[in-house]
């Protein structure tokens, strides 16, 4: 095997050192700087993206805070409007109930007046019929000296006691 031949070791070591240092020089002067530059560019880009993301996050948080405040304000305004409307409705209902109660009381008073008039008419008719009946009964019993005026006075006198 040629690689294990000790006579060629010095030339192999020589070429190994030259190749190693040439590759090291090429790598340090051309490839590593370009790679480092690319890494730095990528890092700068990533940092820029992270910074933009942080700014956007702050804007989103501010917008979310504004939205929540606006939503809370709108909710409060809606609640106030509902309370105001409820109070107005309650007041309107109370007014209508008072009007209805007054109307019902007026109708009840009118009804009571009509009933009282009807009762008075009925009482008058009963008194007239009683007087007529009493006069007829007295005439049939043979008491002709009673007059309708006397019977009416007696009925009124007894009616007032009831």
N, C-alpha and C. Protein backbone atom coordinates (compact mmCIF):
# COMPACT_ATOMS: atom_id res chain seq x y z
N UNK A 1 0.84 -1.16 0.00
CA UNK A 1 0.00 0.00 0.00
C UNK A 1 0.89 1.24 0.00
N UNK A 2 0.58 2.11 -0.93
CA UNK A 2 1.47 3.26 -1.07
C UNK A 2 1.32 4.27 0.05
N UNK A 3 0.20 4.41 0.63
CA UNK A 3 0.05 5.41 1.68
C UNK A 3 0.78 5.02 2.96
N UNK A 4 1.12 3.76 3.12
CA UNK A 4 1.83 3.35 4.31
C UNK A 4 3.35 3.27 4.07
N UNK A 5 3.77 3.69 2.92
CA UNK A 5 5.19 3.70 2.60
C UNK A 5 5.81 4.94 3.26
N UNK A 6 6.79 4.69 4.19
CA UNK A 6 7.34 5.78 4.99
C UNK A 6 8.24 6.69 4.16
N UNK A 7 8.64 6.33 3.03
CA UNK A 7 9.52 7.14 2.20
C UNK A 7 8.76 8.30 1.56
N UNK A 8 7.47 8.16 1.38
CA UNK A 8 6.67 9.22 0.76
C UNK A 8 5.98 10.10 1.80
N UNK A 9 6.18 9.80 3.08
CA UNK A 9 5.53 10.59 4.15
C UNK A 9 5.94 12.06 4.11
N UNK A 10 7.22 12.40 3.97
CA UNK A 10 7.56 13.82 3.98
C UNK A 10 6.91 14.60 2.85
N UNK A 11 6.85 14.05 1.66
CA UNK A 11 6.22 14.78 0.55
C UNK A 11 4.71 14.89 0.79
N UNK A 12 4.13 13.86 1.35
CA UNK A 12 2.69 13.91 1.64
C UNK A 12 2.41 14.96 2.73
N UNK A 13 3.28 15.02 3.74
CA UNK A 13 3.13 16.01 4.80
C UNK A 13 3.31 17.42 4.22
N UNK A 14 4.26 17.59 3.36
CA UNK A 14 4.48 18.88 2.73
C UNK A 14 3.25 19.34 1.98
N UNK A 15 2.76 18.47 1.12
CA UNK A 15 1.57 18.83 0.32
C UNK A 15 0.32 18.96 1.22
N UNK A 16 0.29 18.22 2.25
CA UNK A 16 -0.83 18.36 3.19
C UNK A 16 -0.80 19.73 3.84
N UNK A 17 0.38 20.19 4.27
CA UNK A 17 0.50 21.51 4.89
C UNK A 17 0.20 22.60 3.88
N UNK A 18 0.72 22.50 2.69
CA UNK A 18 0.46 23.52 1.67
C UNK A 18 -1.04 23.56 1.36
N UNK A 19 -1.65 22.43 1.15
CA UNK A 19 -3.08 22.37 0.84
C UNK A 19 -3.90 22.90 2.01
N UNK A 20 -3.51 22.50 3.23
CA UNK A 20 -4.26 22.95 4.42
C UNK A 20 -4.18 24.46 4.56
N UNK A 21 -2.94 25.02 4.47
CA UNK A 21 -2.81 26.46 4.65
C UNK A 21 -3.41 27.24 3.48
N UNK A 22 -3.36 26.67 2.27
CA UNK A 22 -4.00 27.32 1.11
C UNK A 22 -5.51 27.35 1.32
N UNK A 23 -6.06 26.25 1.74
CA UNK A 23 -7.51 26.18 2.00
C UNK A 23 -7.88 27.10 3.16
N UNK A 24 -7.01 27.15 4.18
CA UNK A 24 -7.26 28.03 5.32
C UNK A 24 -7.24 29.48 4.87
N UNK A 25 -6.28 29.83 4.03
CA UNK A 25 -6.19 31.19 3.53
C UNK A 25 -7.41 31.53 2.67
N UNK A 26 -7.78 30.64 1.75
CA UNK A 26 -8.94 30.87 0.89
C UNK A 26 -10.22 30.99 1.74
N UNK A 27 -10.36 30.11 2.70
CA UNK A 27 -11.54 30.14 3.57
C UNK A 27 -11.58 31.44 4.37
N UNK A 28 -10.45 31.86 4.97
CA UNK A 28 -10.45 33.04 5.83
C UNK A 28 -10.60 34.33 5.03
N UNK A 29 -10.15 34.38 3.79
CA UNK A 29 -10.22 35.59 2.99
C UNK A 29 -11.48 35.69 2.13
N UNK A 30 -12.03 34.61 1.69
CA UNK A 30 -13.16 34.68 0.76
C UNK A 30 -14.46 34.07 1.30
N UNK A 31 -14.40 32.88 1.79
CA UNK A 31 -15.64 32.17 2.14
C UNK A 31 -16.18 32.59 3.50
N UNK A 32 -15.34 32.65 4.52
CA UNK A 32 -15.81 33.00 5.88
C UNK A 32 -16.34 34.43 5.93
N UNK A 33 -15.66 35.42 5.30
CA UNK A 33 -16.24 36.77 5.33
C UNK A 33 -17.61 36.85 4.64
N UNK A 34 -17.76 36.16 3.51
CA UNK A 34 -19.05 36.18 2.82
C UNK A 34 -20.12 35.49 3.67
N UNK A 35 -19.72 34.40 4.28
CA UNK A 35 -20.67 33.68 5.15
C UNK A 35 -21.03 34.55 6.37
N UNK A 36 -20.02 35.19 6.95
CA UNK A 36 -20.28 36.07 8.10
C UNK A 36 -21.15 37.25 7.68
N UNK A 37 -20.87 37.80 6.47
CA UNK A 37 -21.69 38.90 5.97
C UNK A 37 -23.14 38.44 5.78
N UNK A 38 -23.32 37.27 5.22
CA UNK A 38 -24.68 36.71 5.04
C UNK A 38 -25.36 36.50 6.38
N UNK A 39 -24.60 35.96 7.32
CA UNK A 39 -25.18 35.73 8.66
C UNK A 39 -25.57 37.06 9.29
N UNK A 40 -24.70 38.08 9.15
CA UNK A 40 -25.02 39.40 9.71
C UNK A 40 -26.24 40.01 9.02
N UNK A 41 -26.31 39.87 7.69
CA UNK A 41 -27.47 40.37 6.97
C UNK A 41 -28.75 39.67 7.43
N UNK A 42 -28.67 38.38 7.53
CA UNK A 42 -29.85 37.63 8.01
C UNK A 42 -30.23 38.05 9.42
N UNK A 43 -29.20 38.23 10.26
CA UNK A 43 -29.47 38.64 11.64
C UNK A 43 -30.11 40.02 11.66
N UNK A 44 -29.57 40.93 10.82
CA UNK A 44 -30.14 42.28 10.75
C UNK A 44 -31.59 42.21 10.25
N UNK A 45 -31.83 41.39 9.23
CA UNK A 45 -33.18 41.24 8.70
C UNK A 45 -34.12 40.68 9.76
N UNK A 46 -33.65 39.65 10.44
CA UNK A 46 -34.47 39.04 11.50
C UNK A 46 -34.73 40.04 12.62
N UNK A 47 -33.67 40.81 13.00
CA UNK A 47 -33.85 41.83 14.03
C UNK A 47 -34.87 42.89 13.57
N UNK A 48 -34.76 43.27 12.28
CA UNK A 48 -35.73 44.22 11.73
C UNK A 48 -37.14 43.67 11.78
N UNK A 49 -37.28 42.40 11.40
CA UNK A 49 -38.61 41.77 11.46
C UNK A 49 -39.12 41.70 12.90
N UNK A 50 -38.22 41.35 13.82
CA UNK A 50 -38.62 41.29 15.22
C UNK A 50 -39.03 42.67 15.74
N UNK A 51 -38.28 43.70 15.31
CA UNK A 51 -38.62 45.05 15.74
C UNK A 51 -39.98 45.47 15.14
N UNK A 52 -40.18 45.17 13.85
CA UNK A 52 -41.47 45.48 13.24
C UNK A 52 -42.60 44.71 13.93
N UNK A 53 -42.32 43.45 14.26
CA UNK A 53 -43.33 42.65 14.95
C UNK A 53 -43.65 43.25 16.32
N UNK A 54 -42.61 43.72 17.02
CA UNK A 54 -42.84 44.35 18.32
C UNK A 54 -43.65 45.63 18.16
N UNK A 55 -43.33 46.43 17.14
CA UNK A 55 -44.09 47.65 16.89
C UNK A 55 -45.54 47.33 16.54
N UNK A 56 -45.71 46.33 15.66
CA UNK A 56 -47.07 45.92 15.29
C UNK A 56 -47.82 45.39 16.50
N UNK A 57 -47.12 44.67 17.36
CA UNK A 57 -47.77 44.15 18.57
C UNK A 57 -48.23 45.30 19.45
N UNK A 58 -47.38 46.33 19.59
CA UNK A 58 -47.77 47.50 20.39
C UNK A 58 -48.97 48.20 19.77
N UNK A 59 -48.93 48.35 18.41
CA UNK A 59 -50.06 48.98 17.73
C UNK A 59 -51.33 48.17 17.91
N UNK A 60 -51.19 46.85 17.81
CA UNK A 60 -52.35 45.98 17.99
C UNK A 60 -52.89 46.09 19.41
N UNK A 61 -51.98 46.14 20.39
CA UNK A 61 -52.42 46.28 21.78
C UNK A 61 -53.11 47.62 22.00
N UNK A 62 -52.55 48.69 21.40
CA UNK A 62 -53.18 50.01 21.50
C UNK A 62 -54.56 49.99 20.85
N UNK A 63 -54.62 49.39 19.66
CA UNK A 63 -55.89 49.31 18.96
C UNK A 63 -56.88 48.48 19.75
N UNK A 64 -56.41 47.39 20.33
CA UNK A 64 -57.28 46.54 21.14
C UNK A 64 -57.77 47.30 22.37
N UNK A 65 -56.88 48.07 23.00
CA UNK A 65 -57.29 48.89 24.14
C UNK A 65 -58.34 49.92 23.72
N UNK A 66 -58.09 50.59 22.58
CA UNK A 66 -59.07 51.56 22.08
C UNK A 66 -60.40 50.86 21.80
N UNK A 67 -60.34 49.69 21.18
CA UNK A 67 -61.56 48.94 20.88
C UNK A 67 -62.30 48.58 22.16
N UNK A 68 -61.55 48.08 23.15
CA UNK A 68 -62.19 47.72 24.42
C UNK A 68 -62.80 48.94 25.10
N UNK A 69 -62.08 50.07 25.06
CA UNK A 69 -62.62 51.29 25.66
C UNK A 69 -63.87 51.75 24.92
N UNK A 70 -63.81 51.71 23.59
CA UNK A 70 -64.98 52.10 22.79
C UNK A 70 -66.14 51.16 23.05
N UNK A 71 -65.85 49.88 23.15
CA UNK A 71 -66.90 48.90 23.43
C UNK A 71 -67.50 49.14 24.81
N UNK A 72 -66.64 49.41 25.78
CA UNK A 72 -67.13 49.69 27.13
C UNK A 72 -67.97 50.96 27.15
N UNK A 73 -67.49 51.99 26.44
CA UNK A 73 -68.24 53.24 26.38
C UNK A 73 -69.59 53.02 25.70
N UNK A 74 -69.59 52.28 24.60
CA UNK A 74 -70.84 52.00 23.89
C UNK A 74 -71.79 51.19 24.77
N UNK A 75 -71.23 50.25 25.52
CA UNK A 75 -72.06 49.45 26.43
C UNK A 75 -72.67 50.33 27.51
N UNK A 76 -71.85 51.23 28.07
CA UNK A 76 -72.36 52.14 29.10
C UNK A 76 -73.44 53.05 28.53
N UNK A 77 -73.20 53.58 27.32
CA UNK A 77 -74.20 54.44 26.69
C UNK A 77 -75.49 53.66 26.42
N UNK A 78 -75.33 52.42 25.95
CA UNK A 78 -76.51 51.60 25.69
C UNK A 78 -77.27 51.32 26.99
N UNK A 79 -76.53 51.04 28.06
CA UNK A 79 -77.18 50.79 29.35
C UNK A 79 -77.89 52.05 29.84
N UNK A 80 -77.23 53.20 29.69
CA UNK A 80 -77.87 54.45 30.10
C UNK A 80 -79.12 54.72 29.27
N UNK A 81 -79.01 54.47 27.98
CA UNK A 81 -80.16 54.66 27.10
C UNK A 81 -81.29 53.72 27.49
N UNK A 82 -80.94 52.48 27.80
CA UNK A 82 -81.96 51.52 28.23
C UNK A 82 -82.61 51.95 29.54
N UNK A 83 -81.80 52.44 30.47
CA UNK A 83 -82.35 52.91 31.75
C UNK A 83 -83.26 54.11 31.53
N UNK A 84 -82.82 55.04 30.67
CA UNK A 84 -83.63 56.22 30.39
C UNK A 84 -84.95 55.81 29.74
N UNK A 85 -84.86 54.91 28.77
CA UNK A 85 -86.06 54.43 28.10
C UNK A 85 -86.97 53.71 29.09
N UNK A 86 -86.38 52.91 29.96
CA UNK A 86 -87.17 52.18 30.97
C UNK A 86 -87.87 53.17 31.89
N UNK A 87 -87.15 54.22 32.31
CA UNK A 87 -87.75 55.23 33.18
C UNK A 87 -88.89 55.96 32.46
N UNK A 88 -88.65 56.29 31.18
CA UNK A 88 -89.70 56.96 30.41
C UNK A 88 -90.92 56.06 30.26
N UNK A 89 -90.66 54.78 29.99
CA UNK A 89 -91.77 53.83 29.86
C UNK A 89 -92.51 53.68 31.18
N UNK A 90 -91.76 53.60 32.27
CA UNK A 90 -92.41 53.49 33.59
C UNK A 90 -93.26 54.72 33.87
N UNK A 91 -92.72 55.91 33.55
CA UNK A 91 -93.47 57.14 33.78
C UNK A 91 -94.72 57.16 32.90
N UNK A 92 -94.56 56.74 31.65
CA UNK A 92 -95.71 56.70 30.73
C UNK A 92 -96.76 55.71 31.23
N UNK A 93 -96.31 54.56 31.70
CA UNK A 93 -97.25 53.56 32.22
C UNK A 93 -97.97 54.11 33.45
N UNK A 94 -97.23 54.79 34.32
CA UNK A 94 -97.86 55.36 35.52
C UNK A 94 -98.89 56.41 35.13
N UNK A 95 -98.54 57.27 34.13
CA UNK A 95 -99.50 58.29 33.69
C UNK A 95 -100.75 57.63 33.10
N UNK A 96 -100.53 56.63 32.27
CA UNK A 96 -101.68 55.95 31.65
C UNK A 96 -102.52 55.23 32.70
N UNK A 97 -101.86 54.63 33.69
CA UNK A 97 -102.61 53.98 34.76
C UNK A 97 -103.41 55.01 35.57
N UNK A 98 -102.79 56.16 35.82
CA UNK A 98 -103.50 57.22 36.56
C UNK A 98 -104.69 57.71 35.73
N UNK A 99 -104.48 57.93 34.41
CA UNK A 99 -105.58 58.36 33.55
C UNK A 99 -106.68 57.31 33.52
N UNK A 100 -106.28 56.05 33.39
CA UNK A 100 -107.25 54.96 33.36
C UNK A 100 -108.00 54.88 34.68
N UNK A 101 -107.28 55.02 35.78
CA UNK A 101 -107.91 54.98 37.10
C UNK A 101 -108.91 56.13 37.24
N UNK A 102 -108.52 57.33 36.79
CA UNK A 102 -109.43 58.48 36.86
C UNK A 102 -110.66 58.23 36.00
N UNK A 103 -110.44 57.70 34.79
CA UNK A 103 -111.57 57.40 33.89
C UNK A 103 -112.49 56.35 34.51
N UNK A 104 -111.89 55.31 35.09
CA UNK A 104 -112.70 54.27 35.73
C UNK A 104 -113.48 54.83 36.92
N UNK A 105 -112.84 55.66 37.72
CA UNK A 105 -113.53 56.29 38.85
C UNK A 105 -114.68 57.16 38.37
N UNK A 106 -114.45 57.90 37.26
CA UNK A 106 -115.51 58.73 36.69
C UNK A 106 -116.67 57.86 36.21
N UNK A 107 -116.33 56.76 35.52
CA UNK A 107 -117.38 55.86 35.03
C UNK A 107 -118.12 55.21 36.20
N UNK A 108 -117.38 54.85 37.24
CA UNK A 108 -118.01 54.26 38.43
C UNK A 108 -118.96 55.27 39.06
N UNK A 109 -118.53 56.53 39.17
CA UNK A 109 -119.38 57.58 39.75
C UNK A 109 -120.64 57.77 38.90
N UNK A 110 -120.46 57.78 37.57
CA UNK A 110 -121.62 57.91 36.68
C UNK A 110 -122.55 56.72 36.85
N UNK A 111 -121.97 55.53 36.94
CA UNK A 111 -122.77 54.32 37.14
C UNK A 111 -123.53 54.37 38.45
N UNK A 112 -122.85 54.84 39.50
CA UNK A 112 -123.52 54.94 40.80
C UNK A 112 -124.66 55.96 40.74
N UNK A 113 -124.44 57.07 39.99
CA UNK A 113 -125.50 58.06 39.84
C UNK A 113 -126.69 57.45 39.10
N UNK A 114 -126.39 56.70 38.02
CA UNK A 114 -127.47 56.06 37.25
C UNK A 114 -128.22 55.06 38.12
N UNK A 115 -127.44 54.31 38.91
CA UNK A 115 -128.08 53.32 39.81
C UNK A 115 -128.94 54.04 40.83
N UNK A 116 -128.43 55.15 41.39
CA UNK A 116 -129.20 55.91 42.38
C UNK A 116 -130.46 56.48 41.74
N UNK A 117 -130.34 57.00 40.49
CA UNK A 117 -131.53 57.51 39.80
C UNK A 117 -132.53 56.39 39.53
N UNK A 118 -131.99 55.25 39.08
CA UNK A 118 -132.87 54.10 38.83
C UNK A 118 -133.54 53.64 40.11
N UNK A 119 -132.77 53.64 41.18
CA UNK A 119 -133.33 53.22 42.47
C UNK A 119 -134.42 54.21 42.91
N UNK A 120 -134.14 55.52 42.74
CA UNK A 120 -135.13 56.53 43.12
C UNK A 120 -136.39 56.39 42.28
N UNK A 121 -136.22 56.15 40.95
CA UNK A 121 -137.38 55.96 40.08
C UNK A 121 -138.15 54.72 40.50
N UNK A 122 -137.37 53.64 40.75
CA UNK A 122 -138.04 52.40 41.16
C UNK A 122 -138.78 52.60 42.47
N UNK A 123 -138.15 53.32 43.41
CA UNK A 123 -138.80 53.58 44.70
C UNK A 123 -140.05 54.42 44.49
N UNK A 124 -139.95 55.40 43.60
CA UNK A 124 -141.12 56.25 43.32
C UNK A 124 -142.24 55.41 42.70
N UNK A 125 -141.86 54.53 41.75
CA UNK A 125 -142.88 53.68 41.12
C UNK A 125 -143.48 52.73 42.16
N UNK A 126 -142.62 52.19 43.03
CA UNK A 126 -143.13 51.29 44.08
C UNK A 126 -144.09 52.06 44.99
N UNK A 127 -143.69 53.30 45.36
CA UNK A 127 -144.56 54.12 46.21
C UNK A 127 -145.88 54.40 45.52
N UNK A 128 -145.82 54.74 44.22
CA UNK A 128 -147.05 55.01 43.48
C UNK A 128 -147.93 53.76 43.39
N UNK A 129 -147.29 52.64 43.10
CA UNK A 129 -148.05 51.38 42.99
C UNK A 129 -148.61 50.98 44.36
N UNK A 130 -147.79 51.20 45.39
CA UNK A 130 -148.26 50.87 46.74
C UNK A 130 -149.46 51.74 47.11
N UNK A 131 -149.36 53.01 46.77
CA UNK A 131 -150.46 53.92 47.08
C UNK A 131 -151.71 53.51 46.32
N UNK A 132 -151.51 53.20 45.03
CA UNK A 132 -152.66 52.78 44.20
C UNK A 132 -153.25 51.49 44.73
N UNK A 133 -152.39 50.54 45.08
CA UNK A 133 -152.84 49.25 45.59
C UNK A 133 -153.53 49.42 46.95
N UNK A 134 -152.93 50.24 47.82
CA UNK A 134 -153.53 50.48 49.14
C UNK A 134 -154.90 51.14 48.99
N UNK A 135 -155.01 52.08 48.06
CA UNK A 135 -156.29 52.76 47.85
C UNK A 135 -157.33 51.78 47.33
N UNK A 136 -156.92 50.92 46.39
CA UNK A 136 -157.85 49.92 45.86
C UNK A 136 -158.29 48.95 46.95
N UNK A 137 -157.33 48.49 47.79
CA UNK A 137 -157.64 47.54 48.86
C UNK A 137 -158.61 48.20 49.85
N UNK A 138 -158.34 49.45 50.21
CA UNK A 138 -159.21 50.15 51.17
C UNK A 138 -160.61 50.36 50.58
N UNK A 139 -160.70 50.64 49.32
CA UNK A 139 -162.00 50.82 48.69
C UNK A 139 -162.76 49.51 48.68
N UNK A 140 -162.04 48.42 48.41
CA UNK A 140 -162.72 47.12 48.39
C UNK A 140 -163.13 46.69 49.78
N UNK A 141 -162.42 47.13 50.76
CA UNK A 141 -162.79 46.82 52.13
C UNK A 141 -163.93 47.75 52.62
N UNK A 142 -164.23 48.74 51.86
CA UNK A 142 -165.35 49.59 52.20
C UNK A 142 -164.95 50.89 52.83
N UNK A 143 -163.72 51.23 52.84
CA UNK A 143 -163.29 52.52 53.40
C UNK A 143 -163.13 53.51 52.25
N UNK A 144 -164.20 54.25 51.99
CA UNK A 144 -164.18 55.17 50.86
C UNK A 144 -163.71 56.56 51.26
N UNK A 145 -163.54 56.82 52.51
CA UNK A 145 -163.18 58.16 52.95
C UNK A 145 -161.66 58.46 52.85
N UNK A 146 -160.83 57.50 52.49
CA UNK A 146 -159.38 57.72 52.32
C UNK A 146 -159.12 58.30 50.94
N UNK A 147 -158.20 59.21 50.90
CA UNK A 147 -157.84 59.83 49.62
C UNK A 147 -156.40 59.45 49.28
N UNK A 148 -156.10 59.54 48.04
CA UNK A 148 -154.76 59.17 47.54
C UNK A 148 -153.70 60.04 48.19
N UNK A 149 -154.03 61.26 48.49
CA UNK A 149 -153.09 62.18 49.11
C UNK A 149 -152.70 61.69 50.50
N UNK A 150 -153.65 61.20 51.28
CA UNK A 150 -153.40 60.69 52.63
C UNK A 150 -152.52 59.43 52.57
N UNK A 151 -152.84 58.56 51.62
CA UNK A 151 -152.07 57.30 51.49
C UNK A 151 -150.64 57.60 51.08
N UNK A 152 -150.46 58.53 50.15
CA UNK A 152 -149.10 58.90 49.71
C UNK A 152 -148.30 59.48 50.87
N UNK A 153 -148.94 60.30 51.70
CA UNK A 153 -148.26 60.88 52.86
C UNK A 153 -147.85 59.80 53.83
N UNK A 154 -148.73 58.80 54.06
CA UNK A 154 -148.43 57.71 54.97
C UNK A 154 -147.27 56.86 54.42
N UNK A 155 -147.26 56.59 53.14
CA UNK A 155 -146.17 55.80 52.52
C UNK A 155 -144.85 56.54 52.63
N UNK A 156 -144.87 57.83 52.39
CA UNK A 156 -143.63 58.63 52.49
C UNK A 156 -143.13 58.65 53.92
N UNK A 157 -144.05 58.74 54.86
CA UNK A 157 -143.67 58.77 56.26
C UNK A 157 -143.04 57.46 56.68
N UNK A 158 -143.62 56.36 56.26
CA UNK A 158 -143.07 55.04 56.60
C UNK A 158 -141.82 54.73 55.78
N UNK A 159 -141.74 55.24 54.56
CA UNK A 159 -140.57 55.01 53.69
C UNK A 159 -139.33 55.69 54.23
N UNK A 160 -139.53 56.84 54.87
CA UNK A 160 -138.38 57.57 55.42
C UNK A 160 -137.80 56.83 56.63
N UNK A 161 -138.63 56.06 57.33
CA UNK A 161 -138.15 55.32 58.49
C UNK A 161 -137.31 54.12 58.04
N UNK A 162 -137.55 53.61 56.86
CA UNK A 162 -136.80 52.45 56.37
C UNK A 162 -135.45 52.91 55.96
